[in-house]
Each structure stands twice: as C-alpha cells, then as structure tokens.
C-alpha cells in the first residue's frame, strides 16, 4: 500500500466525489421529501397502480406497500435510484482506474515510481472504496434522515438494511469495472463497458418481470440479489445474495490486478 498515491488519488478525484455526493444526496432527499405527500395520497395512488400491469410495477419496485408506510416508499423508487446510481459510480471509477493512465499516457510516470504494479493497483482500488463508501453514506443518510423527519418510522432497522444493500450491489459493479480496466486501454471504452454492464443488468431485471419464459434473465442481474420488501419484513439480509455480490467484487478486483501485473503496458 502506497499512502502517497492514496492521498494523490483522493485529491485528484475530490471534485468528482463532491459532485456525486451532492447529486445523490440531493436526489435522495428530494425523493424522501415526498414521503408525507405519498402517505396522504395513499388511496389515490393505489387506484393509479391498478392501471399498470403487475410486471411493470414489479420491475420498478412498486406495490401496495410502497404507499402504506415511509419505509415502503423509500424501499421502492428512491432505493432503486440509489442502487442504480451508486452502481454506475462504482463501475465508472473502477473502469477508469488503469485505462485512464494508459490512455492519457500518465502511466509512464506512475508505474516508474518505486512501487510495484500490484501495490499501485490496490492503492487506487482503496481510494475508490473510500469514495464509494462516502457517496453511499451521504446518499443513504439523506434518504433515511429526510424520511424520518417527514413521518414516523416503525421499522427503522429494516429500512437501514434495505438502504445498505445498495452498497454490495455497487461493489459487484465495481468488480466488473476492475476486470475491464486492465483489459481495455481506452478510458472511455472501459467506462462505457462498466456503465453498460450496470444498465444491461438492470434491463435483465426489468424484462424478466414481463414474461415467465424470460424469468431466468433475473438470475444474471446484480439488482435481483435483494428484495427490499422481503428485507423490510424479515429485517435480515439474504446470505447468498450478499456473498455472491461480494464474491463478484473480490474476483473482479483480484483478476484485474493479476492481468495488470502480467500485461505488457505500452504508453
């Protein structure tokens, strides 16, 4: 671990970090700010839901519980956006990790310092983990805090667990990004592949809800690992869903590191 590289990475990405924190926290606060209105319009919104097919509602986390309690509301659309945006952030940061250095020719200086490629790689990964954690904390805190201020929470523990699941989902997206960053030398291509993985994964989850014959596609989606309503009811995290997502992150991270160590870099 190289602490000077860690400090430099955090410094260089400070503006990106600040923008993501403001955008995500602001969006979550905006969604959570509708909590009181949603609860007051519960019956009217349920009538509106009846006009949509169940598959469409399932794809976007909408159900009768979404308008029955503040926890149910946050676990629907706000949670979906938190998870989706956080996964995109993780994929972008991981995907541009090494590919940016090669693409912009800055790797010639970076990899010339007295530190191994593996040390540099994992130091950059640690900086991304720190930034991802900060974005997640501010986003989740905004959603939880504003919701708690807008209405009385009866299942605060369950809601915290639901919000927490956005973190391992984003880690899995980051794992795919790390695998790509050592394979692709173009920064934009690596970033687009990472974001593409997130969007395709979300598309699989969505399309699987519309047809029983396509239900198997949900098994390929990182967004299918957790069911917010089930977590709210049980107040516990599914073991295998958590393990699989963390495994995707660790395997992708380690594979990307090994590819970088063995790769013939041309600047």
Foldseek 3Di string as FASTA:
>chain_A
DDVVLLVVLCVVCVVVLVVLLCVLLVVLLVQLLCLLVLLVCLVVVQVVVVVDDPLQCVLQLHDSQCSNASLNVCLGNVLVVLLLSLLLLLLLQQQLQQLVCQAVVVVVVVCVPPDALLVSLVSSVVSSVVSSVSSLVSNLCSNLVSNVVSDPDPQSLLSVVSSVLSSLLSLLLNLQSLLNNLVHNHSVVSSCVSSVLSVVLSVLSSVLSVDVVSVVSPVVHLVNLDNSVVSSVVSDHDDVSSVVSVVSNVVSSVNSSVSNNPDDRDD
